[in-house]
Amino acid sequence: MDLASPAAPAALRVDGAVPRHPPLRATGNGPAEADIWAALRAEAEAALIEEPLYAGIIQATILDQRNFAQALAYRLAHRLGDGDLTRLAMRDLCLGTFEADPKAVPSAVRDLIAIRERDATCRRYLDPFLFYKGFAALEAYRVAHWLWHQDRMTLALHVQSRISEVCGCDIHPAARLGSGVFIDHATAVVIGETTVVADDVSILQSVTLGGTGKESGDRHPKIERGVLLSVGAKVLGNIRVGEGAKVAAAAVVLHDVPPRTTVAGVPARVVSRVPPREEPALTMDHIFGDGI
């Protein structure tokens, strides 16, 4: 997702209001989709031998599909369909989005790579693709986001509702999320309507990117590239968390966070500087300062 446009996007304009902050910048592209698709297929073939009881799901989800987009659409439909929409209808909806939105599949590929690189428990691409709620929630959000901007708001809100029901993660379709985003566990993550999340951000369980309840219009946080949001962090209001910053577990952030600083506490305050060469969202280092 391009977060570098000089104009305020429609999703951030509410009743004519323009964001107080300049737009965020995006980062470069990762490995090609074809490389990840080849790796997924190889892992799926190995898994057929490892667990024959699950072979039918693996075969149908990956080995019977022609490409990454078709496999992802099939898997999302399998997890989110059979509510008010059948799995077949959900698959067609997801695949139509991936074909229409040139950024959706490359973003999903970068998200999958982010999990593999940052999650110490992840041993192959196949695991998050099949099972991780954070990956499913994020890619389904991308479907809802595209629908929202096609003025298909009813369907967008349906997808949002299914994400919440199935994954325990509530992302408003109008929020703007970049690529290479890692949502770990996903449970109780809430991301509000006018939130902007740049590339290469890591978000742990129970994080809230919300409003203060006192504002209208553009009222949600702007999270810059490379930020680490730890367990239970709450970032509230139209404030900015600067590039490469860390927000400690259970911190409540009510004011802008300078780039490459660590904040902790209720309300959050700066407790240390992030070392120059450290990339918090990539290293997943949760040491927030002396004794913290």
Protein backbone atom coordinates (compact mmCIF):
# COMPACT_ATOMS: atom_id res chain seq x y z
CA MET A 1 0.00 0.00 0.00
CA ASP A 2 1.37 3.38 -1.04
CA LEU A 3 1.59 5.56 2.06
CA ALA A 4 3.76 8.17 0.39
CA SER A 5 1.14 10.05 -1.63
CA PRO A 6 1.37 13.82 -1.04
CA ALA A 7 -2.41 14.17 -0.97
CA ALA A 8 -4.51 13.13 2.00
CA PRO A 9 -6.39 9.96 0.90
CA ALA A 10 -10.15 9.84 0.91
CA ALA A 11 -10.11 7.35 3.78
CA LEU A 12 -8.48 10.01 5.94
CA ARG A 13 -10.81 12.83 4.97
CA VAL A 14 -13.93 12.94 7.11
CA ASP A 15 -16.25 15.93 6.72
CA GLY A 16 -13.48 17.80 4.92
CA ALA A 17 -10.93 17.31 7.68
CA VAL A 18 -7.33 16.82 6.57
CA PRO A 19 -4.80 14.92 8.72
CA ARG A 20 -2.56 17.03 10.92
CA HIS A 21 0.48 14.94 10.07
CA PRO A 22 2.36 14.44 6.78
CA PRO A 23 1.85 11.09 5.05
CA LEU A 24 3.97 8.10 5.97
CA ARG A 25 6.51 6.60 3.61
CA ALA A 26 6.59 3.05 2.34
CA THR A 27 9.55 0.71 2.00
CA GLY A 28 10.83 -1.49 -0.84
CA ASN A 29 9.53 -4.78 -2.17
CA GLY A 30 10.47 -8.21 -0.88
CA PRO A 31 11.08 -11.51 -2.71
CA ALA A 32 8.95 -12.31 -5.72
CA GLU A 33 5.56 -13.95 -5.36
CA ALA A 34 6.76 -16.85 -7.49
CA ASP A 35 9.54 -17.67 -5.02
CA ILE A 36 7.17 -17.80 -2.05
CA TRP A 37 4.63 -19.80 -4.02
CA ALA A 38 7.31 -22.35 -4.92
CA ALA A 39 8.36 -22.58 -1.27
CA LEU A 40 4.75 -23.05 -0.15
CA ARG A 41 4.20 -25.84 -2.64
CA ALA A 42 7.38 -27.62 -1.59
CA GLU A 43 6.39 -27.37 2.08
CA ALA A 44 2.88 -28.61 1.24
CA GLU A 45 4.26 -31.65 -0.56
CA ALA A 46 6.44 -32.48 2.44
CA ALA A 47 3.46 -32.02 4.78
CA LEU A 48 1.45 -34.60 2.86
CA ILE A 49 3.95 -37.19 4.03
CA GLU A 50 4.26 -35.72 7.52
CA GLU A 51 0.52 -35.77 8.25
CA PRO A 52 -1.61 -37.90 5.91
CA LEU A 53 -4.77 -37.16 7.93
CA TYR A 54 -4.55 -33.50 6.85
CA ALA A 55 -3.53 -34.31 3.28
CA GLY A 56 -6.92 -33.47 1.78
CA ILE A 57 -6.89 -29.90 3.15
CA ILE A 58 -3.31 -29.33 2.03
CA GLN A 59 -4.02 -30.74 -1.42
CA ALA A 60 -7.14 -28.63 -1.93
CA THR A 61 -5.75 -25.43 -0.44
CA ILE A 62 -2.35 -25.32 -2.12
CA LEU A 63 -1.44 -28.14 -4.48
CA ASP A 64 -4.70 -27.99 -6.45
CA GLN A 65 -4.42 -24.20 -6.89
CA ARG A 66 -2.67 -22.49 -9.77
CA ASN A 67 -1.00 -19.62 -7.92
CA PHE A 68 -0.59 -17.82 -4.58
CA ALA A 69 -3.68 -15.63 -5.10
CA GLN A 70 -5.98 -18.58 -5.77
CA ALA A 71 -4.63 -20.49 -2.78
CA LEU A 72 -5.04 -17.50 -0.48
CA ALA A 73 -8.59 -16.87 -1.69
CA TYR A 74 -9.43 -20.53 -1.10
CA ARG A 75 -7.99 -20.52 2.42
CA LEU A 76 -9.68 -17.27 3.45
CA ALA A 77 -12.99 -18.59 2.11
CA HIS A 78 -12.55 -21.82 4.04
CA ARG A 79 -12.04 -19.85 7.27
CA LEU A 80 -14.50 -16.97 6.77
CA GLY A 81 -17.23 -18.44 4.57
CA ASP A 82 -20.41 -20.23 5.61
CA GLY A 83 -21.65 -17.29 7.64
CA ASP A 84 -24.08 -15.13 5.67
CA LEU A 85 -21.96 -15.87 2.59
CA THR A 86 -21.08 -19.34 1.38
CA ARG A 87 -17.45 -20.40 1.05
CA LEU A 88 -17.81 -20.30 -2.73
CA ALA A 89 -19.11 -16.72 -2.66
CA MET A 90 -16.35 -15.69 -0.26
CA ARG A 91 -13.69 -17.31 -2.45
CA ASP A 92 -14.96 -15.45 -5.52
CA LEU A 93 -15.04 -12.21 -3.55
CA CYS A 94 -11.45 -12.63 -2.34
CA LEU A 95 -10.12 -13.73 -5.72
CA GLY A 96 -11.88 -10.84 -7.45
CA THR A 97 -10.18 -8.45 -5.04
CA PHE A 98 -6.75 -9.98 -5.62
CA GLU A 99 -7.22 -9.72 -9.38
CA ALA A 100 -8.47 -6.12 -9.23
CA ASP A 101 -6.07 -4.70 -6.62
CA PRO A 102 -2.43 -4.90 -7.82
CA LYS A 103 -1.12 -4.30 -4.29
CA ALA A 104 -3.08 -6.96 -2.41
CA VAL A 105 -1.09 -10.07 -3.30
CA PRO A 106 2.39 -8.46 -3.08
CA SER A 107 1.39 -7.11 0.33
CA ALA A 108 0.22 -10.56 1.42
CA VAL A 109 3.53 -12.06 0.31
CA ARG A 110 5.47 -9.50 2.35
CA ASP A 111 3.20 -10.16 5.35
CA LEU A 112 3.91 -13.89 5.11
CA ILE A 113 7.66 -13.27 4.93
CA ALA A 114 7.41 -10.98 7.97
CA ILE A 115 5.87 -13.77 10.04
CA ARG A 116 8.50 -16.28 8.95
CA GLU A 117 11.31 -13.86 9.83
CA ARG A 118 9.97 -12.46 13.11
CA ASP A 119 8.02 -15.25 14.81
CA ALA A 120 10.39 -17.58 16.64
CA THR A 121 7.80 -20.38 16.56
CA CYS A 122 7.29 -20.26 12.79
CA ARG A 123 9.29 -23.01 11.06
CA ARG A 124 7.92 -22.68 7.52
CA TYR A 125 5.64 -20.47 5.38
CA LEU A 126 2.95 -23.16 5.36
CA ASP A 127 2.10 -22.76 9.04
CA PRO A 128 0.93 -19.11 9.02
CA PHE A 129 -0.68 -19.57 5.61
CA LEU A 130 -2.89 -22.35 6.94
CA PHE A 131 -3.33 -21.59 10.61
CA TYR A 132 -2.25 -18.17 11.94
CA LYS A 133 -5.14 -15.87 12.83
CA GLY A 134 -3.03 -12.75 12.39
CA PHE A 135 -2.23 -13.57 8.77
CA ALA A 136 -5.84 -14.51 7.96
CA ALA A 137 -7.17 -11.35 9.61
CA LEU A 138 -4.72 -9.09 7.78
CA GLU A 139 -5.33 -10.56 4.33
CA ALA A 140 -9.09 -10.58 4.82
CA TYR A 141 -8.81 -6.92 5.88
CA ARG A 142 -7.17 -6.22 2.51
CA VAL A 143 -10.28 -7.63 0.83
CA ALA A 144 -12.55 -5.48 3.01
CA HIS A 145 -10.39 -2.40 2.38
CA TRP A 146 -10.68 -2.77 -1.39
CA LEU A 147 -14.44 -3.30 -1.13
CA TRP A 148 -14.76 -0.18 1.05
CA HIS A 149 -13.08 1.94 -1.61
CA GLN A 150 -15.34 0.50 -4.30
CA ASP A 151 -18.31 1.83 -2.26
CA ARG A 152 -19.32 -1.77 -1.45
CA MET A 153 -19.48 -0.91 2.22
CA THR A 154 -22.05 -3.53 3.19
CA LEU A 155 -19.79 -6.35 2.00
CA ALA A 156 -16.74 -4.66 3.50
CA LEU A 157 -18.43 -4.54 6.89
CA HIS A 158 -19.52 -8.16 6.52
CA VAL A 159 -15.90 -9.21 5.98
CA GLN A 160 -14.83 -7.08 8.96
CA SER A 161 -17.48 -8.78 11.09
CA ARG A 162 -16.35 -12.26 10.02
CA ILE A 163 -12.72 -11.38 10.80
CA SER A 164 -13.81 -10.33 14.28
CA GLU A 165 -15.91 -13.45 14.82
CA VAL A 166 -13.36 -15.96 13.54
CA CYS A 167 -10.03 -14.32 14.41
CA GLY A 168 -10.90 -12.13 17.38
CA CYS A 169 -9.35 -9.15 15.60
CA ASP A 170 -11.28 -6.01 14.60
CA ILE A 171 -9.80 -3.92 11.75
CA HIS A 172 -11.97 -1.23 10.23
CA PRO A 173 -12.05 -1.54 6.41
CA ALA A 174 -11.14 2.13 5.96
CA ALA A 175 -7.92 1.86 7.99
CA ARG A 176 -4.73 2.01 5.90
CA LEU A 177 -2.18 -0.74 6.55
CA GLY A 178 1.09 -1.14 4.69
CA SER A 179 2.89 -4.37 3.87
CA GLY A 180 5.31 -6.50 5.84
CA VAL A 181 2.96 -6.09 8.80
CA PHE A 182 3.08 -8.78 11.50
CA ILE A 183 -0.02 -9.21 13.70
CA ASP A 184 1.03 -11.78 16.27
CA HIS A 185 -1.81 -13.94 17.66
CA ALA A 186 -4.36 -11.26 16.62
CA THR A 187 -6.61 -11.84 19.65
CA ALA A 188 -8.21 -8.58 20.87
CA VAL A 189 -6.36 -6.38 18.35
CA VAL A 190 -8.49 -3.33 17.45
CA ILE A 191 -7.57 -0.91 14.63
CA GLY A 192 -9.82 2.10 14.11
CA GLU A 193 -11.22 3.70 10.98
CA THR A 194 -8.68 6.47 10.33
CA THR A 195 -5.62 4.57 11.55
CA VAL A 196 -2.57 4.49 9.28
CA VAL A 197 0.06 1.77 9.74
CA ALA A 198 3.20 1.98 7.61
CA ASP A 199 5.29 -0.94 6.33
CA ASP A 200 7.26 -3.33 8.55
CA VAL A 201 5.30 -2.79 11.77
CA SER A 202 4.83 -5.54 14.40
CA ILE A 203 1.61 -5.62 16.44
CA LEU A 204 1.13 -8.06 19.33
CA GLN A 205 -2.06 -9.31 20.94
CA SER A 206 -4.53 -6.95 22.66
CA VAL A 207 -3.12 -3.84 20.98
CA THR A 208 -5.63 -1.02 20.42
CA LEU A 209 -5.12 1.72 17.83
CA GLY A 210 -8.19 3.72 18.73
CA GLY A 211 -9.78 7.08 19.39
CA THR A 212 -10.10 8.92 22.66
CA GLY A 213 -13.89 9.02 22.45
CA LYS A 214 -13.83 12.83 22.31
CA GLU A 215 -13.01 13.44 18.64
CA SER A 216 -14.68 13.06 15.27
CA GLY A 217 -13.14 12.99 11.83
CA ASP A 218 -9.51 11.91 11.63
CA ARG A 219 -9.17 10.56 15.14
CA HIS A 220 -6.91 7.49 15.13
CA PRO A 221 -3.14 6.90 15.37
CA LYS A 222 -0.50 7.10 12.65
CA ILE A 223 2.14 4.39 13.11
CA GLU A 224 5.36 4.91 11.18
CA ARG A 225 7.64 2.30 9.66
CA GLY A 226 9.39 -0.25 11.86
CA VAL A 227 7.41 0.38 15.07
CA LEU A 228 7.00 -2.41 17.65
CA LEU A 229 3.69 -2.34 19.56
CA SER A 230 3.95 -4.76 22.46
CA VAL A 231 1.28 -6.78 24.24
CA GLY A 232 -1.72 -4.76 25.36
CA ALA A 233 -0.40 -1.38 24.21
CA LYS A 234 -3.09 1.27 23.70
CA VAL A 235 -2.40 4.16 21.31
CA LEU A 236 -5.31 6.58 21.40
CA GLY A 237 -6.15 9.63 19.32
CA ASN A 238 -4.80 11.23 16.15
CA ILE A 239 -1.20 11.00 17.30
CA ARG A 240 1.98 9.75 15.64
CA VAL A 241 4.33 7.00 16.77
CA GLY A 242 7.64 7.81 15.09
CA GLU A 243 9.70 5.51 12.92
CA GLY A 244 11.54 2.73 14.73
CA ALA A 245 9.90 3.41 18.10
CA LYS A 246 8.91 0.84 20.75
CA VAL A 247 5.71 0.93 22.79
CA ALA A 248 5.98 -1.23 25.90
CA ALA A 249 3.48 -3.81 27.07
CA ALA A 250 0.29 -2.29 28.56
CA ALA A 251 1.46 1.28 27.83
CA VAL A 252 -1.25 3.88 27.20
CA VAL A 253 -0.02 6.40 24.62
CA LEU A 254 -1.88 9.72 24.44
CA HIS A 255 0.75 11.96 22.80
CA ASP A 256 3.15 11.77 19.85
CA VAL A 257 6.10 9.39 20.30
CA PRO A 258 9.41 10.65 18.86
CA PRO A 259 11.18 8.39 16.36
CA ARG A 260 13.52 5.74 17.78
CA THR A 261 12.40 6.14 21.37
CA THR A 262 10.90 3.68 23.82
CA VAL A 263 7.79 4.63 25.76
CA ALA A 264 6.24 2.84 28.73
CA GLY A 265 3.72 3.43 31.49
CA VAL A 266 0.25 4.88 32.03
CA PRO A 267 0.27 7.44 30.60
CA ALA A 268 3.29 6.52 28.47
CA ARG A 269 6.53 8.48 28.75
CA VAL A 270 9.91 8.18 27.06
CA VAL A 271 12.12 5.80 29.05
CA SER A 272 15.03 5.21 26.65
CA ARG A 273 16.40 5.65 23.16
CA VAL A 274 16.37 2.83 20.60
CA PRO A 275 19.99 2.03 19.58
CA PRO A 276 20.88 3.39 16.13
CA ARG A 277 21.19 0.06 14.33
CA GLU A 278 18.26 -1.70 16.00
CA GLU A 279 15.08 -2.39 14.02
CA PRO A 280 12.49 -3.01 16.78
CA ALA A 281 9.72 -4.46 14.63
CA LEU A 282 12.13 -6.83 12.91
CA THR A 283 14.13 -8.02 15.92
CA MET A 284 11.05 -8.26 18.19
CA ASP A 285 13.27 -7.22 21.11
CA HIS A 286 10.98 -6.47 24.05
CA ILE A 287 13.62 -5.05 26.38
CA PHE A 288 12.34 -1.53 26.93
CA GLY A 289 14.99 -0.07 29.24
CA ASP A 290 16.62 -0.67 32.60
CA GLY A 291 14.34 -2.84 34.69
CA ILE A 292 11.51 -2.70 32.13
